[in-house]
Amino acid sequence: ASYSMPPVIVYTGRQLSAEDEQQLRRHSKSIIIKGARSPERL
């Protein structure tokens, strides 16, 4: 709890699988998974 949980943007060169997203999302609904793949989108 000592760590703040801000929005998290995953910036990766590979497509996130459904399993990746499910695993990432289970920790906190404050996690925002965008899978940004271009500078403009980021």
PDB file of all heavy atoms in Angstrom:
ATOM      1  N   ALA A   1       0.808  -1.218   0.000  1.00  0.00           N
ATOM      2  CA  ALA A   1       0.000   0.000   0.000  1.00  0.00           C
ATOM      3  C   ALA A   1       0.841   1.267   0.000  1.00  0.00           C
ATOM      4  O   ALA A   1       0.329   2.358  -0.266  1.00  0.00           O
ATOM      5  CB  ALA A   1      -0.933   0.008   1.213  1.00  0.00           C
ATOM      6  N   SER A   2       2.136   1.131   0.310  1.00  0.00           N
ATOM      7  CA  SER A   2       2.986   2.330   0.339  1.00  0.00           C
ATOM      8  C   SER A   2       3.273   2.862  -1.058  1.00  0.00           C
ATOM      9  O   SER A   2       3.689   4.007  -1.220  1.00  0.00           O
ATOM     10  CB  SER A   2       4.310   2.032   1.052  1.00  0.00           C
ATOM     11  OG  SER A   2       5.071   1.076   0.319  1.00  0.00           O
ATOM     12  N   TYR A   3       3.072   2.010  -2.073  1.00  0.00           N
ATOM     13  CA  TYR A   3       3.267   2.464  -3.450  1.00  0.00           C
ATOM     14  C   TYR A   3       1.964   3.071  -3.970  1.00  0.00           C
ATOM     15  O   TYR A   3       0.893   2.504  -3.764  1.00  0.00           O
ATOM     16  CB  TYR A   3       3.671   1.313  -4.376  1.00  0.00           C
ATOM     17  CG  TYR A   3       4.965   0.636  -3.996  1.00  0.00           C
ATOM     18  CD1 TYR A   3       5.007  -0.730  -3.773  1.00  0.00           C
ATOM     19  CD2 TYR A   3       6.143   1.363  -3.869  1.00  0.00           C
ATOM     20  CE1 TYR A   3       6.181  -1.368  -3.424  1.00  0.00           C
ATOM     21  CE2 TYR A   3       7.327   0.732  -3.516  1.00  0.00           C
ATOM     22  CZ  TYR A   3       7.340  -0.624  -3.297  1.00  0.00           C
ATOM     23  OH  TYR A   3       8.518  -1.250  -2.948  1.00  0.00           O
ATOM     24  N   SER A   4       2.072   4.206  -4.630  1.00  0.00           N
ATOM     25  CA  SER A   4       0.875   4.757  -5.276  1.00  0.00           C
ATOM     26  C   SER A   4       0.546   3.906  -6.497  1.00  0.00           C
ATOM     27  O   SER A   4       1.409   3.229  -7.051  1.00  0.00           O
ATOM     28  CB  SER A   4       1.118   6.206  -5.706  1.00  0.00           C
ATOM     29  OG  SER A   4       2.104   6.265  -6.708  1.00  0.00           O
ATOM     30  N   MET A   5      -0.717   3.875  -6.899  1.00  0.00           N
ATOM     31  CA  MET A   5      -1.116   3.090  -8.072  1.00  0.00           C
ATOM     32  C   MET A   5      -1.700   4.033  -9.115  1.00  0.00           C
ATOM     33  O   MET A   5      -2.910   4.175  -9.247  1.00  0.00           O
ATOM     34  CB  MET A   5      -2.134   2.021  -7.683  1.00  0.00           C
ATOM     35  CG  MET A   5      -2.516   1.092  -8.829  1.00  0.00           C
ATOM     36  SD  MET A   5      -1.121   0.174  -9.539  1.00  0.00           S
ATOM     37  CE  MET A   5      -0.965  -1.187  -8.398  1.00  0.00           C
ATOM     38  N   PRO A   6      -0.828   4.716  -9.846  1.00  0.00           N
ATOM     39  CA  PRO A   6      -1.309   5.626 -10.885  1.00  0.00           C
ATOM     40  C   PRO A   6      -1.729   4.849 -12.124  1.00  0.00           C
ATOM     41  O   PRO A   6      -1.493   3.632 -12.211  1.00  0.00           O
ATOM     42  CB  PRO A   6      -0.083   6.494 -11.177  1.00  0.00           C
ATOM     43  CG  PRO A   6       1.068   5.580 -10.909  1.00  0.00           C
ATOM     44  CD  PRO A   6       0.634   4.682  -9.771  1.00  0.00           C
ATOM     45  N   PRO A   7      -2.319   5.505 -13.109  1.00  0.00           N
ATOM     46  CA  PRO A   7      -2.585   4.828 -14.386  1.00  0.00           C
ATOM     47  C   PRO A   7      -1.286   4.320 -14.997  1.00  0.00           C
ATOM     48  O   PRO A   7      -0.267   5.007 -14.974  1.00  0.00           O
ATOM     49  CB  PRO A   7      -3.198   5.932 -15.253  1.00  0.00           C
ATOM     50  CG  PRO A   7      -3.758   6.912 -14.281  1.00  0.00           C
ATOM     51  CD  PRO A   7      -2.833   6.887 -13.097  1.00  0.00           C
ATOM     52  N   VAL A   8      -1.312   3.105 -15.508  1.00  0.00           N
ATOM     53  CA  VAL A   8      -0.138   2.483 -16.112  1.00  0.00           C
ATOM     54  C   VAL A   8      -0.414   2.238 -17.581  1.00  0.00           C
ATOM     55  O   VAL A   8      -1.405   1.596 -17.939  1.00  0.00           O
ATOM     56  CB  VAL A   8       0.214   1.152 -15.418  1.00  0.00           C
ATOM     57  CG1 VAL A   8       1.383   0.474 -16.133  1.00  0.00           C
ATOM     58  CG2 VAL A   8       0.543   1.393 -13.951  1.00  0.00           C
ATOM     59  N   ILE A   9       0.451   2.749 -18.445  1.00  0.00           N
ATOM     60  CA  ILE A   9       0.345   2.536 -19.884  1.00  0.00           C
ATOM     61  C   ILE A   9       1.441   1.562 -20.298  1.00  0.00           C
ATOM     62  O   ILE A   9       2.624   1.838 -20.095  1.00  0.00           O
ATOM     63  CB  ILE A   9       0.486   3.856 -20.661  1.00  0.00           C
ATOM     64  CG1 ILE A   9      -0.623   4.827 -20.273  1.00  0.00           C
ATOM     65  CG2 ILE A   9       0.479   3.601 -22.172  1.00  0.00           C
ATOM     66  CD1 ILE A   9      -0.437   6.226 -20.828  1.00  0.00           C
ATOM     67  N   VAL A  10       1.050   0.429 -20.844  1.00  0.00           N
ATOM     68  CA  VAL A  10       2.017  -0.541 -21.334  1.00  0.00           C
ATOM     69  C   VAL A  10       2.422  -0.137 -22.746  1.00  0.00           C
ATOM     70  O   VAL A  10       1.604  -0.096 -23.656  1.00  0.00           O
ATOM     71  CB  VAL A  10       1.434  -1.965 -21.317  1.00  0.00           C
ATOM     72  CG1 VAL A  10       2.408  -2.951 -21.938  1.00  0.00           C
ATOM     73  CG2 VAL A  10       1.080  -2.374 -19.887  1.00  0.00           C
ATOM     74  N   TYR A  11       3.691   0.180 -22.917  1.00  0.00           N
ATOM     75  CA  TYR A  11       4.216   0.614 -24.214  1.00  0.00           C
ATOM     76  C   TYR A  11       5.142  -0.475 -24.709  1.00  0.00           C
ATOM     77  O   TYR A  11       6.260  -0.621 -24.223  1.00  0.00           O
ATOM     78  CB  TYR A  11       4.956   1.944 -24.059  1.00  0.00           C
ATOM     79  CG  TYR A  11       5.372   2.569 -25.378  1.00  0.00           C
ATOM     80  CD1 TYR A  11       4.426   3.143 -26.218  1.00  0.00           C
ATOM     81  CD2 TYR A  11       6.702   2.578 -25.772  1.00  0.00           C
ATOM     82  CE1 TYR A  11       4.799   3.721 -27.421  1.00  0.00           C
ATOM     83  CE2 TYR A  11       7.082   3.161 -26.969  1.00  0.00           C
ATOM     84  CZ  TYR A  11       6.126   3.727 -27.788  1.00  0.00           C
ATOM     85  OH  TYR A  11       6.498   4.291 -28.986  1.00  0.00           O
ATOM     86  N   THR A  12       4.655  -1.260 -25.637  1.00  0.00           N
ATOM     87  CA  THR A  12       5.410  -2.426 -26.070  1.00  0.00           C
ATOM     88  C   THR A  12       5.343  -2.577 -27.575  1.00  0.00           C
ATOM     89  O   THR A  12       4.377  -2.136 -28.202  1.00  0.00           O
ATOM     90  CB  THR A  12       4.861  -3.697 -25.385  1.00  0.00           C
ATOM     91  OG1 THR A  12       5.561  -4.831 -25.850  1.00  0.00           O
ATOM     92  CG2 THR A  12       3.380  -3.879 -25.668  1.00  0.00           C
ATOM     93  N   GLY A  13       6.353  -3.211 -28.135  1.00  0.00           N
ATOM     94  CA  GLY A  13       6.391  -3.422 -29.569  1.00  0.00           C
ATOM     95  C   GLY A  13       5.609  -4.637 -30.016  1.00  0.00           C
ATOM     96  O   GLY A  13       5.457  -4.879 -31.206  1.00  0.00           O
ATOM     97  N   ARG A  14       5.104  -5.436 -29.074  1.00  0.00           N
ATOM     98  CA  ARG A  14       4.348  -6.629 -29.466  1.00  0.00           C
ATOM     99  C   ARG A  14       2.893  -6.501 -29.043  1.00  0.00           C
ATOM    100  O   ARG A  14       2.559  -5.773 -28.107  1.00  0.00           O
ATOM    101  CB  ARG A  14       4.964  -7.880 -28.836  1.00  0.00           C
ATOM    102  CG  ARG A  14       4.892  -7.936 -27.317  1.00  0.00           C
ATOM    103  CD  ARG A  14       5.542  -9.216 -26.802  1.00  0.00           C
ATOM    104  NE  ARG A  14       5.576  -9.298 -25.358  1.00  0.00           N
ATOM    105  CZ  ARG A  14       4.593  -9.806 -24.624  1.00  0.00           C
ATOM    106  NH1 ARG A  14       3.491 -10.237 -25.200  1.00  0.00           N
ATOM    107  NH2 ARG A  14       4.702  -9.863 -23.307  1.00  0.00           N
ATOM    108  N   GLN A  15       2.040  -7.230 -29.733  1.00  0.00           N
ATOM    109  CA  GLN A  15       0.617  -7.219 -29.419  1.00  0.00           C
ATOM    110  C   GLN A  15       0.391  -7.944 -28.094  1.00  0.00           C
ATOM    111  O   GLN A  15       0.910  -9.038 -27.869  1.00  0.00           O
ATOM    112  CB  GLN A  15      -0.172  -7.923 -30.529  1.00  0.00           C
ATOM    113  CG  GLN A  15      -1.678  -7.914 -30.330  1.00  0.00           C
ATOM    114  CD  GLN A  15      -2.268  -6.537 -30.512  1.00  0.00           C
ATOM    115  OE1 GLN A  15      -1.852  -5.792 -31.390  1.00  0.00           O
ATOM    116  NE2 GLN A  15      -3.220  -6.192 -29.676  1.00  0.00           N
ATOM    117  N   LEU A  16      -0.389  -7.328 -27.213  1.00  0.00           N
ATOM    118  CA  LEU A  16      -0.711  -7.983 -25.958  1.00  0.00           C
ATOM    119  C   LEU A  16      -1.742  -9.081 -26.197  1.00  0.00           C
ATOM    120  O   LEU A  16      -2.764  -8.859 -26.844  1.00  0.00           O
ATOM    121  CB  LEU A  16      -1.270  -6.968 -24.957  1.00  0.00           C
ATOM    122  CG  LEU A  16      -0.299  -5.911 -24.440  1.00  0.00           C
ATOM    123  CD1 LEU A  16      -1.038  -4.899 -23.587  1.00  0.00           C
ATOM    124  CD2 LEU A  16       0.820  -6.548 -23.642  1.00  0.00           C
ATOM    125  N   SER A  17      -1.481 -10.272 -25.667  1.00  0.00           N
ATOM    126  CA  SER A  17      -2.450 -11.351 -25.784  1.00  0.00           C
ATOM    127  C   SER A  17      -3.553 -11.152 -24.744  1.00  0.00           C
ATOM    128  O   SER A  17      -3.415 -10.386 -23.783  1.00  0.00           O
ATOM    129  CB  SER A  17      -1.773 -12.698 -25.542  1.00  0.00           C
ATOM    130  OG  SER A  17      -1.360 -12.802 -24.189  1.00  0.00           O
ATOM    131  N   ALA A  18      -4.655 -11.882 -24.918  1.00  0.00           N
ATOM    132  CA  ALA A  18      -5.748 -11.818 -23.947  1.00  0.00           C
ATOM    133  C   ALA A  18      -5.255 -12.265 -22.572  1.00  0.00           C
ATOM    134  O   ALA A  18      -5.651 -11.711 -21.536  1.00  0.00           O
ATOM    135  CB  ALA A  18      -6.913 -12.687 -24.411  1.00  0.00           C
ATOM    136  N   GLU A  19      -4.350 -13.259 -22.540  1.00  0.00           N
ATOM    137  CA  GLU A  19      -3.804 -13.734 -21.271  1.00  0.00           C
ATOM    138  C   GLU A  19      -2.951 -12.650 -20.607  1.00  0.00           C
ATOM    139  O   GLU A  19      -3.008 -12.450 -19.385  1.00  0.00           O
ATOM    140  CB  GLU A  19      -2.970 -14.993 -21.512  1.00  0.00           C
ATOM    141  CG  GLU A  19      -2.416 -15.610 -20.234  1.00  0.00           C
ATOM    142  CD  GLU A  19      -1.607 -16.869 -20.504  1.00  0.00           C
ATOM    143  OE1 GLU A  19      -1.543 -17.298 -21.684  1.00  0.00           O
ATOM    144  OE2 GLU A  19      -1.045 -17.420 -19.543  1.00  0.00           O
ATOM    145  N   ASP A  20      -2.143 -11.932 -21.423  1.00  0.00           N
ATOM    146  CA  ASP A  20      -1.352 -10.823 -20.883  1.00  0.00           C
ATOM    147  C   ASP A  20      -2.254  -9.790 -20.225  1.00  0.00           C
ATOM    148  O   ASP A  20      -2.007  -9.341 -19.100  1.00  0.00           O
ATOM    149  CB  ASP A  20      -0.560 -10.138 -22.003  1.00  0.00           C
ATOM    150  CG  ASP A  20       0.657 -10.932 -22.440  1.00  0.00           C
ATOM    151  OD1 ASP A  20       1.198 -11.673 -21.603  1.00  0.00           O
ATOM    152  OD2 ASP A  20       1.052 -10.801 -23.615  1.00  0.00           O
ATOM    153  N   GLU A  21      -3.290  -9.385 -20.947  1.00  0.00           N
ATOM    154  CA  GLU A  21      -4.188  -8.341 -20.430  1.00  0.00           C
ATOM    155  C   GLU A  21      -4.883  -8.800 -19.159  1.00  0.00           C
ATOM    156  O   GLU A  21      -5.000  -8.042 -18.190  1.00  0.00           O
ATOM    157  CB  GLU A  21      -5.209  -7.947 -21.491  1.00  0.00           C
ATOM    158  CG  GLU A  21      -4.590  -7.231 -22.678  1.00  0.00           C
ATOM    159  CD  GLU A  21      -5.556  -6.264 -23.331  1.00  0.00           C
ATOM    160  OE1 GLU A  21      -6.561  -5.920 -22.692  1.00  0.00           O
ATOM    161  OE2 GLU A  21      -5.294  -5.857 -24.469  1.00  0.00           O
ATOM    162  N   GLN A  22      -5.350 -10.037 -19.141  1.00  0.00           N
ATOM    163  CA  GLN A  22      -6.044 -10.539 -17.957  1.00  0.00           C
ATOM    164  C   GLN A  22      -5.114 -10.552 -16.752  1.00  0.00           C
ATOM    165  O   GLN A  22      -5.497 -10.178 -15.635  1.00  0.00           O
ATOM    166  CB  GLN A  22      -6.578 -11.945 -18.231  1.00  0.00           C
ATOM    167  CG  GLN A  22      -7.413 -12.507 -17.081  1.00  0.00           C
ATOM    168  CD  GLN A  22      -7.998 -13.865 -17.409  1.00  0.00           C
ATOM    169  OE1 GLN A  22      -7.638 -14.470 -18.409  1.00  0.00           O
ATOM    170  NE2 GLN A  22      -8.900 -14.346 -16.584  1.00  0.00           N
ATOM    171  N   GLN A  23      -3.871 -10.981 -16.960  1.00  0.00           N
ATOM    172  CA  GLN A  23      -2.914 -11.028 -15.868  1.00  0.00           C
ATOM    173  C   GLN A  23      -2.589  -9.633 -15.357  1.00  0.00           C
ATOM    174  O   GLN A  23      -2.485  -9.400 -14.149  1.00  0.00           O
ATOM    175  CB  GLN A  23      -1.640 -11.741 -16.315  1.00  0.00           C
ATOM    176  CG  GLN A  23      -0.629 -11.963 -15.183  1.00  0.00           C
ATOM    177  CD  GLN A  23       0.582 -12.753 -15.646  1.00  0.00           C
ATOM    178  OE1 GLN A  23       0.640 -13.184 -16.793  1.00  0.00           O
ATOM    179  NE2 GLN A  23       1.546 -12.937 -14.755  1.00  0.00           N
ATOM    180  N   LEU A  24      -2.447  -8.667 -16.277  1.00  0.00           N
ATOM    181  CA  LEU A  24      -2.137  -7.304 -15.876  1.00  0.00           C
ATOM    182  C   LEU A  24      -3.298  -6.656 -15.137  1.00  0.00           C
ATOM    183  O   LEU A  24      -3.109  -5.947 -14.151  1.00  0.00           O
ATOM    184  CB  LEU A  24      -1.773  -6.474 -17.105  1.00  0.00           C
ATOM    185  CG  LEU A  24      -0.435  -6.794 -17.765  1.00  0.00           C
ATOM    186  CD1 LEU A  24      -0.353  -6.162 -19.140  1.00  0.00           C
ATOM    187  CD2 LEU A  24       0.721  -6.336 -16.893  1.00  0.00           C
ATOM    188  N   ARG A  25      -4.524  -6.918 -15.587  1.00  0.00           N
ATOM    189  CA  ARG A  25      -5.690  -6.242 -15.024  1.00  0.00           C
ATOM    190  C   ARG A  25      -6.091  -6.765 -13.651  1.00  0.00           C
ATOM    191  O   ARG A  25      -6.795  -6.081 -12.911  1.00  0.00           O
ATOM    192  CB  ARG A  25      -6.889  -6.396 -15.970  1.00  0.00           C
ATOM    193  CG  ARG A  25      -6.770  -5.605 -17.249  1.00  0.00           C
ATOM    194  CD  ARG A  25      -8.080  -5.660 -18.028  1.00  0.00           C
ATOM    195  NE  ARG A  25      -7.910  -5.223 -19.399  1.00  0.00           N
ATOM    196  CZ  ARG A  25      -7.810  -3.962 -19.781  1.00  0.00           C
ATOM    197  NH1 ARG A  25      -7.863  -3.008 -18.887  1.00  0.00           N
ATOM    198  NH2 ARG A  25      -7.647  -3.657 -21.053  1.00  0.00           N
ATOM    199  N   ARG A  26      -5.658  -7.969 -13.286  1.00  0.00           N
ATOM    200  CA  ARG A  26      -6.199  -8.554 -12.070  1.00  0.00           C
ATOM    201  C   ARG A  26      -5.702  -7.869 -10.794  1.00  0.00           C
ATOM    202  O   ARG A  26      -6.259  -8.061  -9.714  1.00  0.00           O
ATOM    203  CB  ARG A  26      -5.891 -10.044 -12.011  1.00  0.00           C
ATOM    204  CG  ARG A  26      -4.477 -10.405 -11.646  1.00  0.00           C
ATOM    205  CD  ARG A  26      -4.379 -11.903 -11.322  1.00  0.00           C
ATOM    206  NE  ARG A  26      -3.066 -12.246 -10.823  1.00  0.00           N
ATOM    207  CZ  ARG A  26      -2.169 -12.892 -11.515  1.00  0.00           C
ATOM    208  NH1 ARG A  26      -2.432 -13.259 -12.756  1.00  0.00           N
ATOM    209  NH2 ARG A  26      -0.999 -13.192 -10.986  1.00  0.00           N
ATOM    210  N   HIS A  27      -4.657  -7.063 -10.911  1.00  0.00           N
ATOM    211  CA  HIS A  27      -4.101  -6.441  -9.720  1.00  0.00           C
ATOM    212  C   HIS A  27      -4.869  -5.209  -9.283  1.00  0.00           C
ATOM    213  O   HIS A  27      -5.043  -4.968  -8.101  1.00  0.00           O
ATOM    214  CB  HIS A  27      -2.631  -6.078  -9.951  1.00  0.00           C
ATOM    215  CG  HIS A  27      -1.800  -7.248 -10.367  1.00  0.00           C
ATOM    216  ND1 HIS A  27      -1.623  -8.350  -9.573  1.00  0.00           N
ATOM    217  CD2 HIS A  27      -1.131  -7.508 -11.515  1.00  0.00           C
ATOM    218  CE1 HIS A  27      -0.864  -9.226 -10.193  1.00  0.00           C
ATOM    219  NE2 HIS A  27      -0.565  -8.740 -11.382  1.00  0.00           N
ATOM    220  N   SER A  28      -5.312  -4.410 -10.223  1.00  0.00           N
ATOM    221  CA  SER A  28      -5.966  -3.159  -9.867  1.00  0.00           C
ATOM    222  C   SER A  28      -6.682  -2.586 -11.067  1.00  0.00           C
ATOM    223  O   SER A  28      -6.156  -2.603 -12.176  1.00  0.00           O
ATOM    224  CB  SER A  28      -4.943  -2.128  -9.372  1.00  0.00           C
ATOM    225  OG  SER A  28      -5.555  -0.864  -9.247  1.00  0.00           O
ATOM    226  N   LYS A  29      -7.895  -2.073 -10.852  1.00  0.00           N
ATOM    227  CA  LYS A  29      -8.621  -1.437 -11.946  1.00  0.00           C
ATOM    228  C   LYS A  29      -8.041  -0.059 -12.261  1.00  0.00           C
ATOM    229  O   LYS A  29      -8.495   0.614 -13.187  1.00  0.00           O
ATOM    230  CB  LYS A  29     -10.101  -1.333 -11.602  1.00  0.00           C
ATOM    231  CG  LYS A  29     -10.807  -2.686 -11.678  1.00  0.00           C
ATOM    232  CD  LYS A  29     -12.297  -2.564 -11.545  1.00  0.00           C
ATOM    233  CE  LYS A  29     -12.950  -3.918 -11.736  1.00  0.00           C
ATOM    234  NZ  LYS A  29     -14.416  -3.862 -11.594  1.00  0.00           N
ATOM    235  N   SER A  30      -7.062   0.369 -11.494  1.00  0.00           N
ATOM    236  CA  SER A  30      -6.387   1.615 -11.827  1.00  0.00           C
ATOM    237  C   SER A  30      -5.365   1.425 -12.938  1.00  0.00           C
ATOM    238  O   SER A  30      -4.776   2.388 -13.418  1.00  0.00           O
ATOM    239  CB  SER A  30      -5.683   2.196 -10.587  1.00  0.00           C
ATOM    240  OG  SER A  30      -6.616   2.549  -9.597  1.00  0.00           O
ATOM    241  N   ILE A  31      -5.114   0.182 -13.319  1.00  0.00           N
ATOM    242  CA  ILE A  31      -4.146  -0.086 -14.378  1.00  0.00           C
ATOM    243  C   ILE A  31      -4.810   0.113 -15.728  1.00  0.00           C
ATOM    244  O   ILE A  31      -5.840  -0.492 -16.021  1.00  0.00           O
ATOM    245  CB  ILE A  31      -3.595  -1.513 -14.270  1.00  0.00           C
ATOM    246  CG1 ILE A  31      -2.852  -1.674 -12.929  1.00  0.00           C
ATOM    247  CG2 ILE A  31      -2.671  -1.824 -15.432  1.00  0.00           C
ATOM    248  CD1 ILE A  31      -2.491  -3.097 -12.627  1.00  0.00           C
ATOM    249  N   ILE A  32      -4.247   0.954 -16.538  1.00  0.00           N
ATOM    250  CA  ILE A  32      -4.774   1.220 -17.869  1.00  0.00           C
ATOM    251  C   ILE A  32      -3.855   0.540 -18.870  1.00  0.00           C
ATOM    252  O   ILE A  32      -2.686   0.905 -18.990  1.00  0.00           O
ATOM    253  CB  ILE A  32      -4.843   2.730 -18.162  1.00  0.00           C
ATOM    254  CG1 ILE A  32      -5.524   3.457 -17.007  1.00  0.00           C
ATOM    255  CG2 ILE A  32      -5.544   2.989 -19.483  1.00  0.00           C
ATOM    256  CD1 ILE A  32      -6.947   3.047 -16.759  1.00  0.00           C
ATOM    257  N   ILE A  33      -4.356  -0.447 -19.575  1.00  0.00           N
ATOM    258  CA  ILE A  33      -3.539  -1.174 -20.538  1.00  0.00           C
ATOM    259  C   ILE A  33      -3.883  -0.689 -21.929  1.00  0.00           C
ATOM    260  O   ILE A  33      -4.983  -0.911 -22.417  1.00  0.00           O
ATOM    261  CB  ILE A  33      -3.770  -2.682 -20.426  1.00  0.00           C
ATOM    262  CG1 ILE A  33      -3.426  -3.144 -19.008  1.00  0.00           C
ATOM    263  CG2 ILE A  33      -2.943  -3.438 -21.450  1.00  0.00           C
ATOM    264  CD1 ILE A  33      -3.929  -4.517 -18.699  1.00  0.00           C
ATOM    265  N   LYS A  34      -2.948   0.003 -22.553  1.00  0.00           N
ATOM    266  CA  LYS A  34      -3.212   0.589 -23.844  1.00  0.00           C
ATOM    267  C   LYS A  34      -2.464  -0.111 -24.967  1.00  0.00           C
ATOM    268  O   LYS A  34      -2.893  -0.078 -26.106  1.00  0.00           O
ATOM    269  CB  LYS A  34      -2.815   2.074 -23.838  1.00  0.00           C
ATOM    270  CG  LYS A  34      -3.757   2.944 -23.030  1.00  0.00           C
ATOM    271  CD  LYS A  34      -5.114   3.021 -23.690  1.00  0.00           C
ATOM    272  CE  LYS A  34      -5.756   4.341 -23.398  1.00  0.00           C
ATOM    273  NZ  LYS A  34      -6.926   4.577 -24.216  1.00  0.00           N
ATOM    274  N   GLY A  35      -1.324  -0.704 -24.663  1.00  0.00           N
ATOM    275  CA  GLY A  35      -0.563  -1.344 -25.725  1.00  0.00           C
ATOM    276  C   GLY A  35      -0.163  -0.372 -26.813  1.00  0.00           C
ATOM    277  O   GLY A  35      -0.205  -0.675 -27.995  1.00  0.00           O
ATOM    278  N   ALA A  36       0.229   0.807 -26.421  1.00  0.00           N
ATOM    279  CA  ALA A  36       0.581   1.831 -27.413  1.00  0.00           C
ATOM    280  C   ALA A  36       1.752   1.367 -28.254  1.00  0.00           C
ATOM    281  O   ALA A  36       2.716   0.811 -27.740  1.00  0.00           O
ATOM    282  CB  ALA A  36       0.935   3.134 -26.705  1.00  0.00           C
ATOM    283  N   ARG A  37       1.672   1.594 -29.580  1.00  0.00           N
ATOM    284  CA  ARG A  37       2.734   1.129 -30.472  1.00  0.00           C
ATOM    285  C   ARG A  37       3.222   2.224 -31.407  1.00  0.00           C
ATOM    286  O   ARG A  37       3.835   1.942 -32.416  1.00  0.00           O
ATOM    287  CB  ARG A  37       2.243  -0.080 -31.269  1.00  0.00           C
ATOM    288  CG  ARG A  37       2.082  -1.317 -30.431  1.00  0.00           C
ATOM    289  CD  ARG A  37       1.545  -2.474 -31.233  1.00  0.00           C
ATOM    290  NE  ARG A  37       0.220  -2.190 -31.764  1.00  0.00           N
ATOM    291  CZ  ARG A  37      -0.895  -2.329 -31.072  1.00  0.00           C
ATOM    292  NH1 ARG A  37      -0.849  -2.717 -29.815  1.00  0.00           N
ATOM    293  NH2 ARG A  37      -2.063  -2.078 -31.626  1.00  0.00           N
ATOM    294  N   SER A  38       2.923   3.480 -31.097  1.00  0.00           N
ATOM    295  CA  SER A  38       3.446   4.555 -31.918  1.00  0.00           C
ATOM    296  C   SER A  38       3.667   5.767 -31.032  1.00  0.00           C
ATOM    297  O   SER A  38       3.007   5.921 -30.006  1.00  0.00           O
ATOM    298  CB  SER A  38       2.467   4.908 -33.050  1.00  0.00           C
ATOM    299  OG  SER A  38       1.369   5.624 -32.536  1.00  0.00           O
ATOM    300  N   PRO A  39       4.593   6.636 -31.392  1.00  0.00           N
ATOM    301  CA  PRO A  39       4.837   7.829 -30.578  1.00  0.00           C
ATOM    302  C   PRO A  39       3.599   8.696 -30.431  1.00  0.00           C
ATOM    303  O   PRO A  39       3.334   9.213 -29.342  1.00  0.00           O
ATOM    304  CB  PRO A  39       5.934   8.562 -31.361  1.00  0.00           C
ATOM    305  CG  PRO A  39       6.614   7.501 -32.147  1.00  0.00           C
ATOM    306  CD  PRO A  39       5.549   6.514 -32.500  1.00  0.00           C
ATOM    307  N   GLU A  40       2.836   8.882 -31.533  1.00  0.00           N
ATOM    308  CA  GLU A  40       1.649   9.740 -31.444  1.00  0.00           C
ATOM    309  C   GLU A  40       0.636   9.175 -30.464  1.00  0.00           C
ATOM    310  O   GLU A  40       0.049   9.910 -29.663  1.00  0.00           O
ATOM    311  CB  GLU A  40       0.982   9.904 -32.820  1.00  0.00           C
ATOM    312  CG  GLU A  40       1.891  10.451 -33.895  1.00  0.00           C
ATOM    313  CD  GLU A  40       2.345   9.342 -34.820  1.00  0.00           C
ATOM    314  OE1 GLU A  40       2.678   8.240 -34.346  1.00  0.00           O
ATOM    315  OE2 GLU A  40       2.351   9.586 -36.035  1.00  0.00           O
ATOM    316  N   ARG A  41       0.416   7.848 -30.520  1.00  0.00           N
ATOM    317  CA  ARG A  41      -0.548   7.238 -29.602  1.00  0.00           C
ATOM    318  C   ARG A  41      -0.076   7.366 -28.160  1.00  0.00           C
ATOM    319  O   ARG A  41      -0.866   7.627 -27.253  1.00  0.00           O
ATOM    320  CB  ARG A  41      -0.756   5.763 -29.954  1.00  0.00           C
ATOM    321  CG  ARG A  41      -1.701   5.530 -31.121  1.00  0.00           C
ATOM    322  CD  ARG A  41      -2.178   4.094 -31.123  1.00  0.00           C
ATOM    323  NE  ARG A  41      -2.938   3.799 -29.923  1.00  0.00           N
ATOM    324  CZ  ARG A  41      -3.125   2.574 -29.427  1.00  0.00           C
ATOM    325  NH1 ARG A  41      -2.571   1.538 -30.020  1.00  0.00           N
ATOM    326  NH2 ARG A  41      -3.842   2.388 -28.347  1.00  0.00           N
ATOM    327  N   LEU A  42       1.200   7.160 -27.928  1.00  0.00           N
ATOM    328  CA  LEU A  42       1.708   7.270 -26.560  1.00  0.00           C
ATOM    329  C   LEU A  42       1.507   8.686 -26.038  1.00  0.00           C
ATOM    330  O   LEU A  42       1.065   8.890 -24.899  1.00  0.00           O
ATOM    331  CB  LEU A  42       3.186   6.882 -26.517  1.00  0.00           C
ATOM    332  CG  LEU A  42       3.841   6.985 -25.130  1.00  0.00           C
ATOM    333  CD1 LEU A  42       3.157   6.068 -24.133  1.00  0.00           C
ATOM    334  CD2 LEU A  42       5.329   6.670 -25.217  1.00  0.00           C
TER     335      LEU A  42
END
